[in-house]
């Protein structure tokens, strides 16, 4: 199986994707990954969805809402950031915006005068460090290779730093089996108590929502859609009933069920 994820080689997405497929290809954005899977170019894609420090990855949320795909698995991996450079003297730290944010306090404390440069991925930041002695990158310590020094390890602001990745596939691969279900709801309406009605569809059946996120629909200002993660599978009757209720509540909008799946923890 060939999976596509955020590149170049060496990203944390790449590390997660290796748990899914022996052959991994790369794209420069999450949107391009989801589009490549939705179009049938790749059988699987791996996209970051949530970090324990910085929260949800909004590009992933929006791309999932814009494409017809399924979620088949969740991969959780710890994030160990290291500062990598050709030497101890540098002017700029380059990395993905999420990685820079996850190390914000450490960088302000240890390198307050260094500029910060957001690039497409952690691996791209490490490439910048290889190309330019004035640049340091943030990435996994294994990415240092033979030509970069590891100036510091475990520089993330919290030792519990971890990221959830979703494994996506064509819509036809959607399954009802698994311990968690993801769905996206677009009410196409806005009135007092709407969100409460949606939440009650799950609460009344003792279903736990492990994540709820609102995102602008893009249709008009003040119009939103909602991402739900529910700790139950679609094979369970009370979960199916909850989804039926949600569909009735948003009969002017739509509900996209991405499927049920299980979680795998990757520790390397």
C-alpha atoms as a PDB file:
ATOM      1  CA  UNK A   1       0.000   0.000   0.000  1.00  0.00           C
ATOM      2  CA  UNK A   2       1.222   3.486  -0.866  1.00  0.00           C
ATOM      3  CA  UNK A   3       0.271   6.311   1.504  1.00  0.00           C
ATOM      4  CA  UNK A   4       0.698  10.041   0.971  1.00  0.00           C
ATOM      5  CA  UNK A   5       1.534  12.493   3.734  1.00  0.00           C
ATOM      6  CA  UNK A   6       3.179  15.818   4.476  1.00  0.00           C
ATOM      7  CA  UNK A   7       6.714  15.975   3.141  1.00  0.00           C
ATOM      8  CA  UNK A   8       9.554  15.999   2.577  1.00  0.00           C
ATOM      9  CA  UNK A   9      10.917  12.832   4.168  1.00  0.00           C
ATOM     10  CA  UNK A  10      11.594  13.144   7.881  1.00  0.00           C
ATOM     11  CA  UNK A  11       8.445  14.956   9.004  1.00  0.00           C
ATOM     12  CA  UNK A  12       6.479  13.703  11.985  1.00  0.00           C
ATOM     13  CA  UNK A  13       3.714  12.934   9.479  1.00  0.00           C
ATOM     14  CA  UNK A  14       6.215  10.681   7.687  1.00  0.00           C
ATOM     15  CA  UNK A  15       6.934   8.845  10.936  1.00  0.00           C
ATOM     16  CA  UNK A  16       3.211   8.295  11.480  1.00  0.00           C
ATOM     17  CA  UNK A  17       2.681   7.191   7.872  1.00  0.00           C
ATOM     18  CA  UNK A  18       5.325   4.480   8.192  1.00  0.00           C
ATOM     19  CA  UNK A  19       2.969   2.737  10.621  1.00  0.00           C
ATOM     20  CA  UNK A  20       0.373   2.641   7.837  1.00  0.00           C
ATOM     21  CA  UNK A  21       2.262   1.801   4.645  1.00  0.00           C
ATOM     22  CA  UNK A  22       5.635   0.507   3.539  1.00  0.00           C
ATOM     23  CA  UNK A  23       5.789   3.021   0.699  1.00  0.00           C
ATOM     24  CA  UNK A  24       5.213   6.701   1.506  1.00  0.00           C
ATOM     25  CA  UNK A  25       4.872   9.593  -0.933  1.00  0.00           C
ATOM     26  CA  UNK A  26       4.744  13.283  -0.100  1.00  0.00           C
ATOM     27  CA  UNK A  27       2.810  16.457  -0.756  1.00  0.00           C
ATOM     28  CA  UNK A  28       3.537  19.985   0.448  1.00  0.00           C
ATOM     29  CA  UNK A  29       0.137  20.674   2.062  1.00  0.00           C
ATOM     30  CA  UNK A  30      -2.607  18.850   3.907  1.00  0.00           C
ATOM     31  CA  UNK A  31      -5.155  20.008   1.329  1.00  0.00           C
ATOM     32  CA  UNK A  32      -3.109  18.400  -1.447  1.00  0.00           C
ATOM     33  CA  UNK A  33      -2.957  15.144   0.537  1.00  0.00           C
ATOM     34  CA  UNK A  34      -6.723  14.962   1.029  1.00  0.00           C
ATOM     35  CA  UNK A  35      -7.332  15.885  -2.602  1.00  0.00           C
ATOM     36  CA  UNK A  36      -4.955  13.139  -3.784  1.00  0.00           C
ATOM     37  CA  UNK A  37      -6.841  10.523  -1.749  1.00  0.00           C
ATOM     38  CA  UNK A  38     -10.298  11.784  -2.741  1.00  0.00           C
ATOM     39  CA  UNK A  39      -9.329  11.656  -6.418  1.00  0.00           C
ATOM     40  CA  UNK A  40      -8.149   8.037  -6.121  1.00  0.00           C
ATOM     41  CA  UNK A  41      -4.484   8.828  -6.777  1.00  0.00           C
ATOM     42  CA  UNK A  42      -3.508   7.253  -3.442  1.00  0.00           C
ATOM     43  CA  UNK A  43      -5.156   4.499  -1.414  1.00  0.00           C
ATOM     44  CA  UNK A  44      -4.368   6.125   1.935  1.00  0.00           C
ATOM     45  CA  UNK A  45      -3.373   9.509   3.290  1.00  0.00           C
ATOM     46  CA  UNK A  46      -2.069  10.544   6.726  1.00  0.00           C
ATOM     47  CA  UNK A  47      -2.879  14.033   8.008  1.00  0.00           C
ATOM     48  CA  UNK A  48      -2.292  15.696  11.408  1.00  0.00           C
ATOM     49  CA  UNK A  49      -5.547  16.591  13.113  1.00  0.00           C
ATOM     50  CA  UNK A  50      -4.720  17.656  16.672  1.00  0.00           C
ATOM     51  CA  UNK A  51      -1.727  18.443  18.868  1.00  0.00           C
ATOM     52  CA  UNK A  52      -1.831  18.233  22.647  1.00  0.00           C
ATOM     53  CA  UNK A  53      -0.268  21.711  23.019  1.00  0.00           C
ATOM     54  CA  UNK A  54      -1.503  23.727  20.045  1.00  0.00           C
ATOM     55  CA  UNK A  55      -4.885  22.071  19.474  1.00  0.00           C
ATOM     56  CA  UNK A  56      -6.545  21.299  16.158  1.00  0.00           C
ATOM     57  CA  UNK A  57      -4.875  21.657  12.774  1.00  0.00           C
ATOM     58  CA  UNK A  58      -7.346  23.918  10.996  1.00  0.00           C
ATOM     59  CA  UNK A  59      -6.143  23.118   7.472  1.00  0.00           C
ATOM     60  CA  UNK A  60      -6.933  19.453   8.105  1.00  0.00           C
ATOM     61  CA  UNK A  61     -10.390  20.272   9.464  1.00  0.00           C
ATOM     62  CA  UNK A  62     -11.224  22.400   6.440  1.00  0.00           C
ATOM     63  CA  UNK A  63      -9.842  19.893   3.919  1.00  0.00           C
ATOM     64  CA  UNK A  64     -11.888  17.061   5.434  1.00  0.00           C
ATOM     65  CA  UNK A  65     -15.023  19.197   5.233  1.00  0.00           C
ATOM     66  CA  UNK A  66     -14.377  19.974   1.559  1.00  0.00           C
ATOM     67  CA  UNK A  67     -13.746  16.405   0.312  1.00  0.00           C
ATOM     68  CA  UNK A  68     -15.627  13.103   0.349  1.00  0.00           C
ATOM     69  CA  UNK A  69     -13.231  10.803   2.210  1.00  0.00           C
ATOM     70  CA  UNK A  70     -13.348   8.275   5.046  1.00  0.00           C
ATOM     71  CA  UNK A  71     -11.263   7.934   8.207  1.00  0.00           C
ATOM     72  CA  UNK A  72      -9.997   4.375   8.705  1.00  0.00           C
ATOM     73  CA  UNK A  73      -7.550   4.708  11.587  1.00  0.00           C
ATOM     74  CA  UNK A  74      -6.067   7.129  14.084  1.00  0.00           C
ATOM     75  CA  UNK A  75      -2.334   7.204  14.826  1.00  0.00           C
ATOM     76  CA  UNK A  76      -1.025   8.965  17.940  1.00  0.00           C
ATOM     77  CA  UNK A  77       2.686   9.668  18.211  1.00  0.00           C
ATOM     78  CA  UNK A  78       4.791  11.580  20.750  1.00  0.00           C
ATOM     79  CA  UNK A  79       6.515  14.697  19.447  1.00  0.00           C
ATOM     80  CA  UNK A  80      10.156  15.101  20.455  1.00  0.00           C
ATOM     81  CA  UNK A  81      11.545  18.346  19.132  1.00  0.00           C
ATOM     82  CA  UNK A  82      15.267  19.065  18.843  1.00  0.00           C
ATOM     83  CA  UNK A  83      17.123  22.172  17.710  1.00  0.00           C
ATOM     84  CA  UNK A  84      19.330  21.281  14.740  1.00  0.00           C
ATOM     85  CA  UNK A  85      21.929  23.516  13.069  1.00  0.00           C
ATOM     86  CA  UNK A  86      25.373  23.502  11.460  1.00  0.00           C
ATOM     87  CA  UNK A  87      26.776  25.180  14.578  1.00  0.00           C
ATOM     88  CA  UNK A  88      25.789  27.111  17.701  1.00  0.00           C
ATOM     89  CA  UNK A  89      25.711  30.474  15.920  1.00  0.00           C
ATOM     90  CA  UNK A  90      22.573  31.145  13.886  1.00  0.00           C
ATOM     91  CA  UNK A  91      20.104  33.964  13.276  1.00  0.00           C
ATOM     92  CA  UNK A  92      16.795  32.275  12.369  1.00  0.00           C
ATOM     93  CA  UNK A  93      14.848  29.227  13.550  1.00  0.00           C
ATOM     94  CA  UNK A  94      12.805  27.666  10.734  1.00  0.00           C
ATOM     95  CA  UNK A  95      10.093  25.048  11.175  1.00  0.00           C
ATOM     96  CA  UNK A  96       6.402  24.362  10.742  1.00  0.00           C
ATOM     97  CA  UNK A  97       4.240  26.943  12.493  1.00  0.00           C
ATOM     98  CA  UNK A  98       2.895  24.275  14.871  1.00  0.00           C
ATOM     99  CA  UNK A  99       6.418  23.226  15.898  1.00  0.00           C
ATOM    100  CA  UNK A 100       7.455  26.844  16.478  1.00  0.00           C
ATOM    101  CA  UNK A 101       4.374  27.333  18.660  1.00  0.00           C
ATOM    102  CA  UNK A 102       5.012  24.115  20.595  1.00  0.00           C
ATOM    103  CA  UNK A 103       8.511  25.392  21.485  1.00  0.00           C
ATOM    104  CA  UNK A 104       7.571  29.051  21.944  1.00  0.00           C
ATOM    105  CA  UNK A 105       8.533  29.435  25.609  1.00  0.00           C
ATOM    106  CA  UNK A 106      11.825  27.565  25.226  1.00  0.00           C
ATOM    107  CA  UNK A 107      12.838  29.635  22.202  1.00  0.00           C
ATOM    108  CA  UNK A 108      11.982  32.892  23.948  1.00  0.00           C
ATOM    109  CA  UNK A 109      14.039  31.824  26.948  1.00  0.00           C
ATOM    110  CA  UNK A 110      17.094  30.382  25.170  1.00  0.00           C
ATOM    111  CA  UNK A 111      17.230  32.341  21.881  1.00  0.00           C
ATOM    112  CA  UNK A 112      15.243  35.550  22.392  1.00  0.00           C
ATOM    113  CA  UNK A 113      17.028  37.353  19.543  1.00  0.00           C
ATOM    114  CA  UNK A 114      16.549  34.651  16.911  1.00  0.00           C
ATOM    115  CA  UNK A 115      14.011  35.279  14.174  1.00  0.00           C
ATOM    116  CA  UNK A 116      11.277  32.711  13.533  1.00  0.00           C
ATOM    117  CA  UNK A 117      10.465  31.479  10.037  1.00  0.00           C
ATOM    118  CA  UNK A 118       7.373  29.344   9.369  1.00  0.00           C
ATOM    119  CA  UNK A 119       7.858  26.801   6.573  1.00  0.00           C
ATOM    120  CA  UNK A 120       5.741  23.978   5.130  1.00  0.00           C
ATOM    121  CA  UNK A 121       6.985  21.240   7.489  1.00  0.00           C
ATOM    122  CA  UNK A 122       9.545  20.429  10.180  1.00  0.00           C
ATOM    123  CA  UNK A 123      11.601  18.541   7.587  1.00  0.00           C
ATOM    124  CA  UNK A 124      11.607  21.607   5.329  1.00  0.00           C
ATOM    125  CA  UNK A 125      13.007  23.636   8.239  1.00  0.00           C
ATOM    126  CA  UNK A 126      15.778  21.069   8.730  1.00  0.00           C
ATOM    127  CA  UNK A 127      16.550  21.314   5.007  1.00  0.00           C
ATOM    128  CA  UNK A 128      16.870  25.087   5.406  1.00  0.00           C
ATOM    129  CA  UNK A 129      19.388  24.489   8.218  1.00  0.00           C
ATOM    130  CA  UNK A 130      21.417  22.192   5.963  1.00  0.00           C
ATOM    131  CA  UNK A 131      21.455  24.792   3.201  1.00  0.00           C
ATOM    132  CA  UNK A 132      22.242  27.844   5.333  1.00  0.00           C
ATOM    133  CA  UNK A 133      24.473  28.066   8.418  1.00  0.00           C
ATOM    134  CA  UNK A 134      22.486  31.101   9.574  1.00  0.00           C
ATOM    135  CA  UNK A 135      19.379  28.915  10.021  1.00  0.00           C
ATOM    136  CA  UNK A 136      18.484  26.354  12.699  1.00  0.00           C
ATOM    137  CA  UNK A 137      15.648  23.884  12.285  1.00  0.00           C
ATOM    138  CA  UNK A 138      13.269  22.184  14.693  1.00  0.00           C
ATOM    139  CA  UNK A 139      12.641  18.501  14.102  1.00  0.00           C
ATOM    140  CA  UNK A 140      13.085  14.995  15.407  1.00  0.00           C
ATOM    141  CA  UNK A 141      16.699  14.413  16.550  1.00  0.00           C
ATOM    142  CA  UNK A 142      17.046  11.569  14.024  1.00  0.00           C
ATOM    143  CA  UNK A 143      16.807  14.192  11.266  1.00  0.00           C
ATOM    144  CA  UNK A 144      20.209  15.658  12.186  1.00  0.00           C
ATOM    145  CA  UNK A 145      22.131  13.137  10.096  1.00  0.00           C
ATOM    146  CA  UNK A 146      25.868  13.591   9.752  1.00  0.00           C
ATOM    147  CA  UNK A 147      25.862  17.264   8.781  1.00  0.00           C
ATOM    148  CA  UNK A 148      23.861  18.954  11.556  1.00  0.00           C
ATOM    149  CA  UNK A 149      24.503  19.281  15.277  1.00  0.00           C
ATOM    150  CA  UNK A 150      21.841  18.545  17.855  1.00  0.00           C
ATOM    151  CA  UNK A 151      22.086  21.731  19.895  1.00  0.00           C
ATOM    152  CA  UNK A 152      19.289  20.757  22.300  1.00  0.00           C
ATOM    153  CA  UNK A 153      16.738  17.942  22.658  1.00  0.00           C
ATOM    154  CA  UNK A 154      13.190  17.827  24.008  1.00  0.00           C
ATOM    155  CA  UNK A 155      12.705  21.558  23.590  1.00  0.00           C
ATOM    156  CA  UNK A 156       8.901  21.353  23.404  1.00  0.00           C
ATOM    157  CA  UNK A 157       7.237  23.373  26.154  1.00  0.00           C
ATOM    158  CA  UNK A 158       5.498  20.295  27.584  1.00  0.00           C
ATOM    159  CA  UNK A 159       6.914  16.793  27.843  1.00  0.00           C
ATOM    160  CA  UNK A 160       3.461  15.332  27.097  1.00  0.00           C
ATOM    161  CA  UNK A 161       3.546  16.753  23.556  1.00  0.00           C
ATOM    162  CA  UNK A 162       1.777  14.368  21.164  1.00  0.00           C
ATOM    163  CA  UNK A 163      -0.057  14.607  17.853  1.00  0.00           C
ATOM    164  CA  UNK A 164      -3.060  12.722  16.492  1.00  0.00           C
ATOM    165  CA  UNK A 165      -2.984  11.781  12.825  1.00  0.00           C
ATOM    166  CA  UNK A 166      -5.964  10.534  10.846  1.00  0.00           C
ATOM    167  CA  UNK A 167      -5.555   7.876   8.186  1.00  0.00           C
ATOM    168  CA  UNK A 168      -7.918   8.743   5.351  1.00  0.00           C
ATOM    169  CA  UNK A 169      -9.162   6.726   2.382  1.00  0.00           C
ATOM    170  CA  UNK A 170     -11.761   6.903  -0.366  1.00  0.00           C
ATOM    171  CA  UNK A 171     -15.334   7.300   0.874  1.00  0.00           C
ATOM    172  CA  UNK A 172     -16.064   3.688  -0.129  1.00  0.00           C
ATOM    173  CA  UNK A 173     -13.633   2.475   2.578  1.00  0.00           C
ATOM    174  CA  UNK A 174     -15.800   3.863   5.382  1.00  0.00           C
ATOM    175  CA  UNK A 175     -16.399   1.364   8.183  1.00  0.00           C
ATOM    176  CA  UNK A 176     -18.894   1.090  11.042  1.00  0.00           C
ATOM    177  CA  UNK A 177     -16.395  -0.859  13.153  1.00  0.00           C
ATOM    178  CA  UNK A 178     -14.158   0.873  15.684  1.00  0.00           C
ATOM    179  CA  UNK A 179     -14.221   2.628  19.004  1.00  0.00           C
ATOM    180  CA  UNK A 180     -14.390   6.217  17.737  1.00  0.00           C
ATOM    181  CA  UNK A 181     -16.457   7.978  15.076  1.00  0.00           C
ATOM    182  CA  UNK A 182     -15.853  11.315  13.348  1.00  0.00           C
ATOM    183  CA  UNK A 183     -18.603  13.323  11.709  1.00  0.00           C
ATOM    184  CA  UNK A 184     -18.929  16.821  10.261  1.00  0.00           C
ATOM    185  CA  UNK A 185     -22.206  18.705  10.611  1.00  0.00           C
ATOM    186  CA  UNK A 186     -23.296  21.744   8.633  1.00  0.00           C
ATOM    187  CA  UNK A 187     -26.619  23.008  10.049  1.00  0.00           C
ATOM    188  CA  UNK A 188     -27.101  25.780   7.457  1.00  0.00           C
ATOM    189  CA  UNK A 189     -29.017  27.541  10.240  1.00  0.00           C
ATOM    190  CA  UNK A 190     -28.376  29.683  13.298  1.00  0.00           C
ATOM    191  CA  UNK A 191     -30.833  30.008  16.162  1.00  0.00           C
ATOM    192  CA  UNK A 192     -30.742  29.934  19.991  1.00  0.00           C
ATOM    193  CA  UNK A 193     -30.315  26.388  21.266  1.00  0.00           C
ATOM    194  CA  UNK A 194     -29.107  24.851  17.984  1.00  0.00           C
ATOM    195  CA  UNK A 195     -25.798  23.634  19.373  1.00  0.00           C
ATOM    196  CA  UNK A 196     -27.532  22.404  22.525  1.00  0.00           C
ATOM    197  CA  UNK A 197     -29.888  20.296  20.399  1.00  0.00           C
ATOM    198  CA  UNK A 198     -26.934  18.740  18.609  1.00  0.00           C
ATOM    199  CA  UNK A 199     -25.144  17.986  21.883  1.00  0.00           C
ATOM    200  CA  UNK A 200     -28.262  16.496  23.460  1.00  0.00           C
ATOM    201  CA  UNK A 201     -28.497  13.951  20.652  1.00  0.00           C
ATOM    202  CA  UNK A 202     -25.321  12.418  22.105  1.00  0.00           C
ATOM    203  CA  UNK A 203     -25.737  13.274  25.809  1.00  0.00           C
ATOM    204  CA  UNK A 204     -29.207  11.716  25.981  1.00  0.00           C
ATOM    205  CA  UNK A 205     -27.642   8.399  24.894  1.00  0.00           C
ATOM    206  CA  UNK A 206     -24.648   8.659  27.245  1.00  0.00           C
ATOM    207  CA  UNK A 207     -22.258   9.121  24.341  1.00  0.00           C
ATOM    208  CA  UNK A 208     -19.031  10.968  25.102  1.00  0.00           C
ATOM    209  CA  UNK A 209     -17.802  13.684  22.749  1.00  0.00           C
ATOM    210  CA  UNK A 210     -14.000  13.601  22.942  1.00  0.00           C
ATOM    211  CA  UNK A 211     -13.690  16.615  20.620  1.00  0.00           C
ATOM    212  CA  UNK A 212     -15.971  19.281  19.188  1.00  0.00           C
ATOM    213  CA  UNK A 213     -14.694  22.026  16.919  1.00  0.00           C
ATOM    214  CA  UNK A 214     -16.433  24.802  15.017  1.00  0.00           C
ATOM    215  CA  UNK A 215     -15.070  26.155  11.748  1.00  0.00           C
ATOM    216  CA  UNK A 216     -16.349  28.894   9.413  1.00  0.00           C
ATOM    217  CA  UNK A 217     -18.390  27.335   6.624  1.00  0.00           C
ATOM    218  CA  UNK A 218     -17.042  29.739   4.040  1.00  0.00           C
ATOM    219  CA  UNK A 219     -20.581  30.420   2.861  1.00  0.00           C
ATOM    220  CA  UNK A 220     -21.147  33.658   4.782  1.00  0.00           C
ATOM    221  CA  UNK A 221     -19.856  35.512   7.825  1.00  0.00           C
ATOM    222  CA  UNK A 222     -21.056  33.984  11.101  1.00  0.00           C
ATOM    223  CA  UNK A 223     -21.975  30.663   9.474  1.00  0.00           C
ATOM    224  CA  UNK A 224     -20.302  27.579  10.957  1.00  0.00           C
ATOM    225  CA  UNK A 225     -19.955  23.834  10.652  1.00  0.00           C
ATOM    226  CA  UNK A 226     -19.021  21.462  13.465  1.00  0.00           C
ATOM    227  CA  UNK A 227     -16.545  18.599  13.744  1.00  0.00           C
ATOM    228  CA  UNK A 228     -17.426  15.894  16.287  1.00  0.00           C
ATOM    229  CA  UNK A 229     -15.354  12.972  17.590  1.00  0.00           C
ATOM    230  CA  UNK A 230     -17.553  10.491  19.458  1.00  0.00           C
ATOM    231  CA  UNK A 231     -16.240   7.665  21.622  1.00  0.00           C
ATOM    232  CA  UNK A 232     -18.440   4.998  20.043  1.00  0.00           C
ATOM    233  CA  UNK A 233     -18.684   3.059  16.800  1.00  0.00           C
ATOM    234  CA  UNK A 234     -21.434   3.208  14.218  1.00  0.00           C
ATOM    235  CA  UNK A 235     -22.068  -0.489  14.797  1.00  0.00           C
ATOM    236  CA  UNK A 236     -23.625   0.529  18.141  1.00  0.00           C
ATOM    237  CA  UNK A 237     -27.364   1.183  18.031  1.00  0.00           C
ATOM    238  CA  UNK A 238     -27.290   4.262  20.273  1.00  0.00           C
ATOM    239  CA  UNK A 239     -24.626   5.838  18.057  1.00  0.00           C
ATOM    240  CA  UNK A 240     -26.709   5.275  14.926  1.00  0.00           C
ATOM    241  CA  UNK A 241     -29.729   6.772  16.696  1.00  0.00           C
ATOM    242  CA  UNK A 242     -27.717   9.852  17.646  1.00  0.00           C
ATOM    243  CA  UNK A 243     -26.627  10.375  14.036  1.00  0.00           C
ATOM    244  CA  UNK A 244     -30.255   9.977  12.888  1.00  0.00           C
ATOM    245  CA  UNK A 245     -31.310  12.676  15.359  1.00  0.00           C
ATOM    246  CA  UNK A 246     -28.548  15.024  14.185  1.00  0.00           C
ATOM    247  CA  UNK A 247     -29.620  14.550  10.560  1.00  0.00           C
ATOM    248  CA  UNK A 248     -33.189  15.503  11.493  1.00  0.00           C
ATOM    249  CA  UNK A 249     -32.023  18.612  13.381  1.00  0.00           C
ATOM    250  CA  UNK A 250     -29.986  19.869  10.405  1.00  0.00           C
ATOM    251  CA  UNK A 251     -32.428  18.939   7.663  1.00  0.00           C
ATOM    252  CA  UNK A 252     -31.581  22.218   5.875  1.00  0.00           C
ATOM    253  CA  UNK A 253     -27.872  21.359   5.898  1.00  0.00           C
ATOM    254  CA  UNK A 254     -25.887  18.126   5.798  1.00  0.00           C
ATOM    255  CA  UNK A 255     -24.092  15.531   7.919  1.00  0.00           C
ATOM    256  CA  UNK A 256     -20.932  13.829   6.666  1.00  0.00           C
ATOM    257  CA  UNK A 257     -20.011  10.689   8.612  1.00  0.00           C
ATOM    258  CA  UNK A 258     -16.337   9.914   8.085  1.00  0.00           C
ATOM    259  CA  UNK A 259     -16.597   6.489   9.683  1.00  0.00           C
ATOM    260  CA  UNK A 260     -15.574   4.537  12.754  1.00  0.00           C
ATOM    261  CA  UNK A 261     -12.012   3.521  13.511  1.00  0.00           C
ATOM    262  CA  UNK A 262      -9.549   2.471  16.191  1.00  0.00           C
ATOM    263  CA  UNK A 263      -6.469   4.184  17.629  1.00  0.00           C
ATOM    264  CA  UNK A 264      -2.856   3.037  17.299  1.00  0.00           C
ATOM    265  CA  UNK A 265      -0.027   4.491  19.392  1.00  0.00           C
ATOM    266  CA  UNK A 266       3.353   4.765  17.662  1.00  0.00           C
ATOM    267  CA  UNK A 267       6.143   5.317  20.191  1.00  0.00           C
ATOM    268  CA  UNK A 268       9.254   5.524  18.029  1.00  0.00           C
END
